Amino acid sequence: MSGSGADAAHRLASLGTVPMAPGLSDDEVTRIESSFGFTFADDHRDFLTTALPVGEGWPNWREGHRQLDRQLRLPADGILFAVEWKQFWDGGWGKRPTRMKDALRSAVYQLARVPRMVPVYSHCYLPAETPSGHPVLSIYQADIRVVADSLLDYVNRLSDGPAAPPAALPTVGFWSDHVS
């Protein structure tokens, strides 16, 4: 592991703005990953096993199974909302069905095959099952933006205020195709 996740956790703790709990144990991480069907990105795992942010907006990985399930579904649910109400359609999905019911069914099928996005904070996500250093993405419906070059950069931006726009390019399938 690169240690950038641990560095991000230490940096966030040093800010004193977010309550921090002891990091997740390996058993807790394994239980979460098997329960929700994903594997944390390397730096995200490192972050959460070093210290666990427990303030408002931060996912409660130790409790709140229902809330976590909802947060994990939000990116795909937002895309489905955009399909239904904003005429969103991914070019790789083929021709958009004319009936909304069929378009939504097709979108659900397609979204079940895209990389899973795992919440970092509020509407900011890292892709599951990736190595360290992937950009943090803000996902709200079909509005997808890079908000930080990495998890450590994300935490630094929380404390440093306005900064130059992130320069990293995301490489996670589907989601990266729609970054604005």
N, C-alpha and C. Protein backbone atom coordinates (compact mmCIF):
# COMPACT_ATOMS: atom_id res chain seq x y z
N MET A 1 0.84 -1.20 0.00
CA MET A 1 0.00 0.00 0.00
C MET A 1 0.87 1.24 0.00
N SER A 2 0.37 2.26 -0.60
CA SER A 2 1.16 3.47 -0.74
C SER A 2 1.23 4.29 0.52
N GLY A 3 0.29 4.11 1.44
CA GLY A 3 0.26 4.92 2.65
C GLY A 3 -0.52 6.21 2.48
N SER A 4 -0.94 6.53 1.26
CA SER A 4 -1.66 7.79 1.06
C SER A 4 -2.99 7.80 1.80
N GLY A 5 -3.61 6.64 1.95
CA GLY A 5 -4.85 6.56 2.71
C GLY A 5 -4.63 6.84 4.18
N ALA A 6 -3.56 6.28 4.73
CA ALA A 6 -3.21 6.55 6.13
C ALA A 6 -2.86 8.02 6.31
N ASP A 7 -2.12 8.57 5.35
CA ASP A 7 -1.78 10.00 5.42
C ASP A 7 -3.04 10.86 5.40
N ALA A 8 -4.00 10.47 4.58
CA ALA A 8 -5.27 11.23 4.50
C ALA A 8 -6.02 11.14 5.83
N ALA A 9 -6.04 9.97 6.45
CA ALA A 9 -6.73 9.81 7.74
C ALA A 9 -6.04 10.65 8.82
N HIS A 10 -4.71 10.61 8.86
CA HIS A 10 -3.98 11.42 9.85
C HIS A 10 -4.22 12.91 9.61
N ARG A 11 -4.23 13.32 8.36
CA ARG A 11 -4.46 14.73 8.02
C ARG A 11 -5.85 15.16 8.45
N LEU A 12 -6.86 14.33 8.16
CA LEU A 12 -8.23 14.66 8.55
C LEU A 12 -8.35 14.74 10.07
N ALA A 13 -7.73 13.82 10.77
CA ALA A 13 -7.76 13.84 12.23
C ALA A 13 -7.10 15.10 12.77
N SER A 14 -6.01 15.52 12.14
CA SER A 14 -5.28 16.71 12.62
C SER A 14 -6.08 18.00 12.44
N LEU A 15 -7.03 18.00 11.52
CA LEU A 15 -7.85 19.20 11.31
C LEU A 15 -8.75 19.48 12.50
N GLY A 16 -9.17 18.43 13.18
CA GLY A 16 -10.03 18.58 14.34
C GLY A 16 -11.46 19.00 14.01
N THR A 17 -11.85 18.87 12.76
CA THR A 17 -13.19 19.31 12.36
C THR A 17 -14.18 18.14 12.22
N VAL A 18 -13.65 16.93 12.21
CA VAL A 18 -14.48 15.74 12.04
C VAL A 18 -14.19 14.78 13.18
N PRO A 19 -15.23 14.31 13.89
CA PRO A 19 -14.98 13.30 14.93
C PRO A 19 -14.39 12.05 14.29
N MET A 20 -13.39 11.48 14.93
CA MET A 20 -12.72 10.30 14.40
C MET A 20 -12.81 9.17 15.43
N ALA A 21 -13.11 7.99 14.95
CA ALA A 21 -13.15 6.79 15.78
C ALA A 21 -11.96 5.92 15.38
N PRO A 22 -11.65 4.92 16.19
CA PRO A 22 -10.57 4.00 15.79
C PRO A 22 -10.89 3.38 14.43
N GLY A 23 -9.84 3.11 13.68
CA GLY A 23 -10.02 2.56 12.34
C GLY A 23 -10.70 1.20 12.35
N LEU A 24 -11.24 0.83 11.21
CA LEU A 24 -11.88 -0.48 11.07
C LEU A 24 -10.84 -1.58 11.18
N SER A 25 -11.22 -2.69 11.78
CA SER A 25 -10.34 -3.85 11.83
C SER A 25 -10.42 -4.58 10.49
N ASP A 26 -9.47 -5.47 10.25
CA ASP A 26 -9.50 -6.26 9.01
C ASP A 26 -10.78 -7.08 8.93
N ASP A 27 -11.23 -7.61 10.08
CA ASP A 27 -12.47 -8.38 10.11
C ASP A 27 -13.67 -7.50 9.74
N GLU A 28 -13.69 -6.26 10.24
CA GLU A 28 -14.79 -5.35 9.91
C GLU A 28 -14.79 -5.03 8.42
N VAL A 29 -13.62 -4.80 7.86
CA VAL A 29 -13.52 -4.50 6.42
C VAL A 29 -14.02 -5.69 5.61
N THR A 30 -13.59 -6.89 5.98
CA THR A 30 -14.03 -8.09 5.28
C THR A 30 -15.53 -8.26 5.37
N ARG A 31 -16.11 -8.01 6.54
CA ARG A 31 -17.56 -8.12 6.72
C ARG A 31 -18.30 -7.11 5.85
N ILE A 32 -17.82 -5.87 5.82
CA ILE A 32 -18.46 -4.83 5.00
C ILE A 32 -18.39 -5.20 3.53
N GLU A 33 -17.19 -5.58 3.08
CA GLU A 33 -17.01 -5.90 1.66
C GLU A 33 -17.88 -7.09 1.24
N SER A 34 -17.96 -8.12 2.08
CA SER A 34 -18.78 -9.27 1.70
C SER A 34 -20.27 -8.95 1.81
N SER A 35 -20.64 -8.13 2.78
CA SER A 35 -22.04 -7.77 2.97
C SER A 35 -22.58 -6.94 1.80
N PHE A 36 -21.74 -6.04 1.27
CA PHE A 36 -22.20 -5.13 0.21
C PHE A 36 -21.69 -5.52 -1.18
N GLY A 37 -20.83 -6.53 -1.27
CA GLY A 37 -20.41 -7.03 -2.57
C GLY A 37 -19.43 -6.16 -3.33
N PHE A 38 -18.48 -5.56 -2.64
CA PHE A 38 -17.43 -4.79 -3.30
C PHE A 38 -16.15 -4.90 -2.49
N THR A 39 -15.06 -4.44 -3.07
CA THR A 39 -13.78 -4.36 -2.37
C THR A 39 -13.35 -2.90 -2.40
N PHE A 40 -12.98 -2.37 -1.24
CA PHE A 40 -12.52 -0.99 -1.17
C PHE A 40 -11.30 -0.78 -2.05
N ALA A 41 -11.17 0.40 -2.63
CA ALA A 41 -9.92 0.79 -3.29
C ALA A 41 -8.81 0.74 -2.23
N ASP A 42 -7.59 0.49 -2.66
CA ASP A 42 -6.48 0.32 -1.72
C ASP A 42 -6.34 1.49 -0.75
N ASP A 43 -6.33 2.73 -1.27
CA ASP A 43 -6.14 3.87 -0.37
C ASP A 43 -7.37 4.12 0.50
N HIS A 44 -8.56 3.80 0.00
CA HIS A 44 -9.77 3.96 0.80
C HIS A 44 -9.74 2.99 1.99
N ARG A 45 -9.33 1.76 1.74
CA ARG A 45 -9.19 0.77 2.82
C ARG A 45 -8.16 1.24 3.84
N ASP A 46 -7.03 1.72 3.36
CA ASP A 46 -5.97 2.21 4.23
C ASP A 46 -6.47 3.37 5.09
N PHE A 47 -7.22 4.27 4.49
CA PHE A 47 -7.82 5.41 5.18
C PHE A 47 -8.74 4.93 6.31
N LEU A 48 -9.65 4.02 5.99
CA LEU A 48 -10.65 3.58 6.96
C LEU A 48 -10.09 2.68 8.04
N THR A 49 -8.99 2.00 7.79
CA THR A 49 -8.38 1.17 8.84
C THR A 49 -7.44 1.97 9.73
N THR A 50 -7.08 3.16 9.30
CA THR A 50 -6.23 4.03 10.12
C THR A 50 -7.08 4.80 11.12
N ALA A 51 -8.13 5.42 10.66
CA ALA A 51 -9.07 6.16 11.52
C ALA A 51 -10.38 6.27 10.75
N LEU A 52 -11.47 6.29 11.49
CA LEU A 52 -12.79 6.27 10.86
C LEU A 52 -13.52 7.57 11.14
N PRO A 53 -13.74 8.41 10.10
CA PRO A 53 -14.52 9.63 10.30
C PRO A 53 -15.97 9.26 10.60
N VAL A 54 -16.54 9.88 11.62
CA VAL A 54 -17.91 9.53 12.03
C VAL A 54 -18.83 10.74 12.09
N GLY A 55 -18.42 11.83 11.52
CA GLY A 55 -19.24 13.04 11.52
C GLY A 55 -20.31 13.00 10.45
N GLU A 56 -21.15 14.00 10.47
CA GLU A 56 -22.23 14.12 9.51
C GLU A 56 -21.70 14.12 8.08
N GLY A 57 -22.36 13.34 7.23
CA GLY A 57 -21.97 13.23 5.83
C GLY A 57 -20.99 12.11 5.56
N TRP A 58 -20.30 11.63 6.56
CA TRP A 58 -19.35 10.53 6.40
C TRP A 58 -20.10 9.21 6.54
N PRO A 59 -19.84 8.24 5.69
CA PRO A 59 -20.54 6.95 5.81
C PRO A 59 -20.24 6.31 7.16
N ASN A 60 -21.26 5.76 7.78
CA ASN A 60 -21.10 5.09 9.06
C ASN A 60 -20.86 3.60 8.79
N TRP A 61 -19.60 3.24 8.60
CA TRP A 61 -19.25 1.89 8.21
C TRP A 61 -19.46 0.86 9.31
N ARG A 62 -19.56 1.30 10.55
CA ARG A 62 -19.76 0.35 11.65
C ARG A 62 -21.24 0.08 11.95
N GLU A 63 -22.08 1.01 11.63
CA GLU A 63 -23.51 0.88 11.94
C GLU A 63 -24.29 1.40 10.74
N GLY A 64 -25.58 1.31 10.81
CA GLY A 64 -26.39 1.92 9.75
C GLY A 64 -26.35 1.18 8.44
N HIS A 65 -26.53 -0.13 8.46
CA HIS A 65 -26.51 -0.93 7.24
C HIS A 65 -27.46 -0.37 6.18
N ARG A 66 -28.64 0.03 6.59
CA ARG A 66 -29.64 0.55 5.64
C ARG A 66 -29.14 1.85 4.99
N GLN A 67 -28.54 2.73 5.80
CA GLN A 67 -28.02 4.00 5.27
C GLN A 67 -26.86 3.76 4.31
N LEU A 68 -25.99 2.81 4.65
CA LEU A 68 -24.87 2.49 3.76
C LEU A 68 -25.38 1.93 2.43
N ASP A 69 -26.36 1.06 2.49
CA ASP A 69 -26.93 0.51 1.28
C ASP A 69 -27.47 1.63 0.40
N ARG A 70 -28.14 2.59 1.01
CA ARG A 70 -28.68 3.73 0.27
C ARG A 70 -27.56 4.56 -0.36
N GLN A 71 -26.50 4.85 0.41
CA GLN A 71 -25.39 5.64 -0.11
C GLN A 71 -24.69 4.92 -1.26
N LEU A 72 -24.58 3.61 -1.17
CA LEU A 72 -23.94 2.84 -2.24
C LEU A 72 -24.79 2.81 -3.51
N ARG A 73 -26.10 2.92 -3.37
CA ARG A 73 -27.00 2.93 -4.53
C ARG A 73 -27.16 4.31 -5.16
N LEU A 74 -26.83 5.36 -4.44
CA LEU A 74 -27.09 6.72 -4.93
C LEU A 74 -26.52 7.03 -6.32
N PRO A 75 -25.28 6.68 -6.62
CA PRO A 75 -24.80 7.01 -7.96
C PRO A 75 -25.66 6.40 -9.08
N ALA A 76 -25.97 5.12 -8.98
CA ALA A 76 -26.80 4.48 -10.01
C ALA A 76 -28.23 5.03 -9.97
N ASP A 77 -28.77 5.25 -8.78
CA ASP A 77 -30.12 5.81 -8.68
C ASP A 77 -30.19 7.20 -9.30
N GLY A 78 -29.11 7.97 -9.14
CA GLY A 78 -29.07 9.30 -9.74
C GLY A 78 -29.06 9.23 -11.26
N ILE A 79 -28.34 8.25 -11.80
CA ILE A 79 -28.34 8.07 -13.25
C ILE A 79 -29.74 7.67 -13.72
N LEU A 80 -30.40 6.79 -12.98
CA LEU A 80 -31.76 6.39 -13.36
C LEU A 80 -32.71 7.58 -13.33
N PHE A 81 -32.55 8.46 -12.34
CA PHE A 81 -33.35 9.68 -12.29
C PHE A 81 -33.09 10.51 -13.55
N ALA A 82 -31.82 10.64 -13.93
CA ALA A 82 -31.48 11.42 -15.12
C ALA A 82 -32.02 10.77 -16.39
N VAL A 83 -32.06 9.45 -16.44
CA VAL A 83 -32.64 8.77 -17.60
C VAL A 83 -34.12 9.11 -17.69
N GLU A 84 -34.80 9.08 -16.56
CA GLU A 84 -36.24 9.30 -16.57
C GLU A 84 -36.63 10.76 -16.75
N TRP A 85 -35.91 11.67 -16.14
CA TRP A 85 -36.34 13.07 -16.10
C TRP A 85 -35.50 14.04 -16.92
N LYS A 86 -34.30 13.63 -17.32
CA LYS A 86 -33.42 14.56 -18.02
C LYS A 86 -32.91 14.02 -19.36
N GLN A 87 -33.53 12.99 -19.84
CA GLN A 87 -33.19 12.40 -21.14
C GLN A 87 -31.74 11.90 -21.23
N PHE A 88 -31.13 11.59 -20.09
CA PHE A 88 -29.77 11.04 -20.12
C PHE A 88 -29.80 9.66 -20.76
N TRP A 89 -28.78 9.39 -21.59
CA TRP A 89 -28.60 8.06 -22.14
C TRP A 89 -27.15 7.89 -22.53
N ASP A 90 -26.54 6.81 -22.11
CA ASP A 90 -25.15 6.54 -22.44
C ASP A 90 -25.07 5.97 -23.85
N GLY A 91 -24.16 6.51 -24.65
CA GLY A 91 -24.02 6.05 -26.03
C GLY A 91 -23.67 4.58 -26.16
N GLY A 92 -23.01 4.02 -25.16
CA GLY A 92 -22.62 2.61 -25.20
C GLY A 92 -23.76 1.66 -24.89
N TRP A 93 -24.90 2.19 -24.52
CA TRP A 93 -26.05 1.34 -24.19
C TRP A 93 -26.90 1.00 -25.40
N GLY A 94 -26.52 1.49 -26.56
CA GLY A 94 -27.32 1.24 -27.75
C GLY A 94 -28.41 2.29 -27.90
N LYS A 95 -29.35 2.01 -28.77
CA LYS A 95 -30.45 2.95 -29.03
C LYS A 95 -31.37 3.01 -27.81
N ARG A 96 -31.74 4.22 -27.45
CA ARG A 96 -32.64 4.40 -26.30
C ARG A 96 -34.04 3.89 -26.67
N PRO A 97 -34.60 3.01 -25.83
CA PRO A 97 -35.98 2.58 -26.08
C PRO A 97 -36.94 3.76 -25.99
N THR A 98 -37.99 3.71 -26.78
CA THR A 98 -38.93 4.83 -26.79
C THR A 98 -39.82 4.83 -25.54
N ARG A 99 -40.19 3.67 -25.04
CA ARG A 99 -41.01 3.62 -23.82
C ARG A 99 -40.12 3.79 -22.60
N MET A 100 -40.51 4.68 -21.70
CA MET A 100 -39.71 4.96 -20.51
C MET A 100 -39.48 3.70 -19.69
N LYS A 101 -40.49 2.88 -19.56
CA LYS A 101 -40.37 1.64 -18.78
C LYS A 101 -39.23 0.78 -19.33
N ASP A 102 -39.13 0.71 -20.65
CA ASP A 102 -38.08 -0.09 -21.28
C ASP A 102 -36.71 0.59 -21.15
N ALA A 103 -36.69 1.91 -21.26
CA ALA A 103 -35.43 2.64 -21.10
C ALA A 103 -34.89 2.44 -19.69
N LEU A 104 -35.74 2.53 -18.69
CA LEU A 104 -35.30 2.33 -17.31
C LEU A 104 -34.84 0.90 -17.08
N ARG A 105 -35.55 -0.05 -17.61
CA ARG A 105 -35.16 -1.46 -17.46
C ARG A 105 -33.78 -1.69 -18.08
N SER A 106 -33.57 -1.13 -19.26
CA SER A 106 -32.28 -1.26 -19.93
C SER A 106 -31.18 -0.56 -19.13
N ALA A 107 -31.47 0.62 -18.61
CA ALA A 107 -30.47 1.36 -17.83
C ALA A 107 -30.11 0.60 -16.56
N VAL A 108 -31.10 0.01 -15.89
CA VAL A 108 -30.82 -0.79 -14.69
C VAL A 108 -29.89 -1.94 -15.04
N TYR A 109 -30.17 -2.62 -16.16
CA TYR A 109 -29.34 -3.72 -16.62
C TYR A 109 -27.90 -3.23 -16.86
N GLN A 110 -27.75 -2.13 -17.56
CA GLN A 110 -26.42 -1.60 -17.88
C GLN A 110 -25.68 -1.14 -16.63
N LEU A 111 -26.38 -0.46 -15.73
CA LEU A 111 -25.73 0.05 -14.51
C LEU A 111 -25.28 -1.07 -13.58
N ALA A 112 -25.90 -2.21 -13.65
CA ALA A 112 -25.47 -3.35 -12.83
C ALA A 112 -24.10 -3.86 -13.28
N ARG A 113 -23.64 -3.42 -14.44
CA ARG A 113 -22.37 -3.89 -15.00
C ARG A 113 -21.25 -2.85 -14.94
N VAL A 114 -21.53 -1.67 -14.41
CA VAL A 114 -20.48 -0.65 -14.32
C VAL A 114 -19.78 -0.76 -12.97
N PRO A 115 -18.57 -0.23 -12.86
CA PRO A 115 -17.86 -0.28 -11.59
C PRO A 115 -18.66 0.37 -10.46
N ARG A 116 -18.59 -0.22 -9.31
CA ARG A 116 -19.30 0.25 -8.12
C ARG A 116 -18.56 1.46 -7.56
N MET A 117 -19.32 2.48 -7.19
CA MET A 117 -18.73 3.66 -6.57
C MET A 117 -19.02 3.58 -5.07
N VAL A 118 -17.98 3.88 -4.27
CA VAL A 118 -18.06 3.73 -2.82
C VAL A 118 -17.94 5.12 -2.19
N PRO A 119 -18.89 5.47 -1.30
CA PRO A 119 -18.88 6.81 -0.74
C PRO A 119 -17.67 7.10 0.15
N VAL A 120 -17.12 8.29 -0.05
CA VAL A 120 -16.06 8.81 0.82
C VAL A 120 -16.71 9.78 1.79
N TYR A 121 -17.45 10.72 1.24
CA TYR A 121 -18.15 11.74 2.03
C TYR A 121 -19.28 12.30 1.18
N SER A 122 -20.46 12.37 1.75
CA SER A 122 -21.61 12.96 1.07
C SER A 122 -21.76 12.37 -0.33
N HIS A 123 -21.66 13.17 -1.37
CA HIS A 123 -21.81 12.70 -2.75
C HIS A 123 -20.47 12.52 -3.46
N CYS A 124 -19.40 12.35 -2.68
CA CYS A 124 -18.06 12.14 -3.24
C CYS A 124 -17.68 10.67 -3.10
N TYR A 125 -17.14 10.12 -4.18
CA TYR A 125 -16.94 8.67 -4.27
C TYR A 125 -15.57 8.31 -4.83
N LEU A 126 -15.13 7.11 -4.47
CA LEU A 126 -14.00 6.44 -5.10
C LEU A 126 -14.53 5.14 -5.70
N PRO A 127 -13.96 4.71 -6.81
CA PRO A 127 -14.40 3.43 -7.37
C PRO A 127 -13.91 2.28 -6.50
N ALA A 128 -14.71 1.24 -6.41
CA ALA A 128 -14.30 0.02 -5.72
C ALA A 128 -13.22 -0.68 -6.54
N GLU A 129 -12.47 -1.51 -5.86
CA GLU A 129 -11.54 -2.43 -6.52
C GLU A 129 -10.53 -1.76 -7.44
N THR A 130 -9.97 -0.65 -6.99
CA THR A 130 -8.95 0.04 -7.77
C THR A 130 -7.70 0.23 -6.91
N PRO A 131 -6.57 0.42 -7.54
CA PRO A 131 -5.37 0.73 -6.76
C PRO A 131 -5.46 2.15 -6.19
N SER A 132 -4.52 2.48 -5.35
CA SER A 132 -4.49 3.81 -4.73
C SER A 132 -4.33 4.90 -5.77
N GLY A 133 -4.81 6.09 -5.41
CA GLY A 133 -4.54 7.26 -6.22
C GLY A 133 -5.59 7.63 -7.25
N HIS A 134 -6.73 6.97 -7.24
CA HIS A 134 -7.76 7.35 -8.21
C HIS A 134 -8.38 8.68 -7.78
N PRO A 135 -8.75 9.53 -8.72
CA PRO A 135 -9.41 10.79 -8.36
C PRO A 135 -10.73 10.55 -7.62
N VAL A 136 -11.07 11.46 -6.74
CA VAL A 136 -12.35 11.44 -6.05
C VAL A 136 -13.36 12.13 -6.96
N LEU A 137 -14.50 11.48 -7.17
CA LEU A 137 -15.53 12.01 -8.04
C LEU A 137 -16.74 12.46 -7.24
N SER A 138 -17.27 13.61 -7.61
CA SER A 138 -18.56 14.06 -7.10
C SER A 138 -19.60 13.54 -8.08
N ILE A 139 -20.58 12.82 -7.56
CA ILE A 139 -21.62 12.25 -8.42
C ILE A 139 -22.97 12.68 -7.87
N TYR A 140 -23.67 13.47 -8.68
CA TYR A 140 -25.02 13.88 -8.35
C TYR A 140 -25.84 13.74 -9.62
N GLN A 141 -26.68 12.71 -9.66
CA GLN A 141 -27.41 12.35 -10.86
C GLN A 141 -26.39 12.14 -11.99
N ALA A 142 -26.53 12.80 -13.12
CA ALA A 142 -25.58 12.62 -14.21
C ALA A 142 -24.50 13.71 -14.22
N ASP A 143 -24.46 14.51 -13.16
CA ASP A 143 -23.43 15.53 -13.01
C ASP A 143 -22.25 14.90 -12.28
N ILE A 144 -21.21 14.58 -13.04
CA ILE A 144 -20.05 13.88 -12.49
C ILE A 144 -18.83 14.75 -12.70
N ARG A 145 -18.13 15.03 -11.61
CA ARG A 145 -16.97 15.92 -11.66
C ARG A 145 -15.82 15.34 -10.84
N VAL A 146 -14.61 15.66 -11.26
CA VAL A 146 -13.44 15.33 -10.46
C VAL A 146 -13.29 16.44 -9.42
N VAL A 147 -13.30 16.08 -8.14
CA VAL A 147 -13.16 17.09 -7.09
C VAL A 147 -11.79 17.07 -6.43
N ALA A 148 -11.04 15.99 -6.64
CA ALA A 148 -9.69 15.92 -6.07
C ALA A 148 -8.90 14.86 -6.84
N ASP A 149 -7.59 15.07 -6.88
CA ASP A 149 -6.72 14.15 -7.61
C ASP A 149 -6.59 12.79 -6.94
N SER A 150 -6.81 12.72 -5.63
CA SER A 150 -6.68 11.49 -4.86
C SER A 150 -7.41 11.69 -3.53
N LEU A 151 -7.47 10.66 -2.73
CA LEU A 151 -8.09 10.76 -1.41
C LEU A 151 -7.32 11.74 -0.53
N LEU A 152 -6.00 11.69 -0.57
CA LEU A 152 -5.20 12.64 0.21
C LEU A 152 -5.44 14.06 -0.27
N ASP A 153 -5.49 14.27 -1.57
CA ASP A 153 -5.78 15.60 -2.11
C ASP A 153 -7.16 16.06 -1.66
N TYR A 154 -8.13 15.14 -1.62
CA TYR A 154 -9.49 15.48 -1.19
C TYR A 154 -9.47 16.03 0.24
N VAL A 155 -8.79 15.32 1.14
CA VAL A 155 -8.72 15.77 2.54
C VAL A 155 -7.98 17.09 2.63
N ASN A 156 -6.91 17.24 1.88
CA ASN A 156 -6.18 18.51 1.89
C ASN A 156 -7.06 19.66 1.40
N ARG A 157 -7.90 19.41 0.42
CA ARG A 157 -8.79 20.45 -0.09
C ARG A 157 -9.85 20.82 0.94
N LEU A 158 -10.22 19.89 1.82
CA LEU A 158 -11.17 20.21 2.89
C LEU A 158 -10.61 21.28 3.82
N SER A 159 -9.31 21.25 4.01
CA SER A 159 -8.70 22.20 4.95
C SER A 159 -8.11 23.42 4.27
N ASP A 160 -7.64 23.26 3.06
CA ASP A 160 -6.92 24.35 2.40
C ASP A 160 -7.83 25.34 1.70
N GLY A 161 -9.09 25.00 1.55
CA GLY A 161 -10.00 25.91 0.86
C GLY A 161 -9.80 25.85 -0.64
N PRO A 162 -10.17 26.91 -1.35
CA PRO A 162 -10.09 26.90 -2.82
C PRO A 162 -8.68 26.57 -3.30
N ALA A 163 -8.63 25.75 -4.30
CA ALA A 163 -7.36 25.33 -4.88
C ALA A 163 -7.52 25.24 -6.39
N ALA A 164 -6.42 25.03 -7.04
CA ALA A 164 -6.47 24.84 -8.50
C ALA A 164 -7.35 23.63 -8.81
N PRO A 165 -8.02 23.64 -9.92
CA PRO A 165 -8.84 22.47 -10.28
C PRO A 165 -7.98 21.21 -10.33
N PRO A 166 -8.56 20.08 -9.95
CA PRO A 166 -7.80 18.83 -10.02
C PRO A 166 -7.34 18.56 -11.45
N ALA A 167 -6.16 17.97 -11.56
CA ALA A 167 -5.60 17.70 -12.88
C ALA A 167 -5.74 16.24 -13.29
N ALA A 168 -6.00 15.35 -12.33
CA ALA A 168 -6.06 13.92 -12.63
C ALA A 168 -7.26 13.60 -13.50
N LEU A 169 -7.06 12.61 -14.35
CA LEU A 169 -8.14 12.13 -15.20
C LEU A 169 -8.62 10.79 -14.65
N PRO A 170 -9.92 10.67 -14.40
CA PRO A 170 -10.42 9.39 -13.90
C PRO A 170 -10.38 8.33 -14.99
N THR A 171 -10.23 7.10 -14.59
CA THR A 171 -10.12 6.01 -15.56
C THR A 171 -11.12 4.90 -15.31
N VAL A 172 -12.10 5.13 -14.47
CA VAL A 172 -13.07 4.08 -14.15
C VAL A 172 -14.18 4.07 -15.20
N GLY A 173 -14.45 2.88 -15.72
CA GLY A 173 -15.43 2.74 -16.79
C GLY A 173 -16.77 3.39 -16.48
N PHE A 174 -17.45 3.85 -17.48
CA PHE A 174 -18.73 4.53 -17.47
C PHE A 174 -18.64 5.88 -16.78
N TRP A 175 -18.31 5.93 -15.51
CA TRP A 175 -18.31 7.17 -14.73
C TRP A 175 -17.36 8.18 -15.34
N SER A 176 -16.18 7.75 -15.74
CA SER A 176 -15.21 8.66 -16.34
C SER A 176 -15.69 9.23 -17.66
N ASP A 177 -16.51 8.45 -18.37
CA ASP A 177 -17.02 8.91 -19.66
C ASP A 177 -17.96 10.11 -19.53
N HIS A 178 -18.47 10.35 -18.33
CA HIS A 178 -19.47 11.39 -18.14
C HIS A 178 -18.99 12.54 -17.25
N VAL A 179 -17.68 12.60 -17.02
CA VAL A 179 -17.13 13.71 -16.22
C VAL A 179 -17.27 14.99 -17.01
N SER A 180 -17.81 16.01 -16.34
CA SER A 180 -17.97 17.29 -17.02
C SER A 180 -16.91 18.27 -16.56
